[in-house]
Protein backbone atom coordinates (compact mmCIF):
# COMPACT_ATOMS: atom_id res chain seq x y z
CA ALA A 1 13.56 1.95 -1.82
CA ALA A 2 14.03 3.30 1.93
CA ASP A 3 12.84 6.72 0.72
CA GLY A 4 9.76 5.49 -0.95
CA ALA A 5 8.98 3.60 2.17
CA VAL A 6 9.09 6.57 4.33
CA ALA A 7 7.09 8.71 1.68
CA ALA A 8 4.32 5.48 1.60
CA GLY A 9 4.36 5.69 5.39
CA VAL A 10 3.72 9.71 5.52
CA ALA A 11 1.11 9.50 2.72
CA TRP A 12 -0.72 6.47 4.64
CA GLU A 13 -0.98 8.44 7.78
CA ASN A 14 -2.17 11.80 6.01
CA ALA A 15 -4.53 10.17 3.75
CA PRO A 16 -5.35 6.63 4.10
CA ALA A 17 -7.58 7.28 1.03
CA ASN A 18 -4.23 7.28 -0.72
CA SER A 19 -3.59 3.65 -0.05
CA ALA A 20 -3.44 2.79 -3.75
CA THR A 21 -0.96 5.36 -4.14
CA VAL A 22 1.19 3.91 -1.43
CA ALA A 23 0.93 0.44 -2.77
CA VAL A 24 2.40 1.95 -6.27
CA LYS A 25 5.18 3.46 -4.12
CA ILE A 26 6.03 0.37 -2.36
CA ASN A 27 5.98 -1.89 -5.67
CA VAL A 28 8.25 0.77 -7.03
């Protein structure tokens, strides 16, 4: 879960358009 949160944070900063993917990572 922690690693997923970090990956989501990086993805969010690198590409806000991937917000959907970030949401999925957070849910997982």
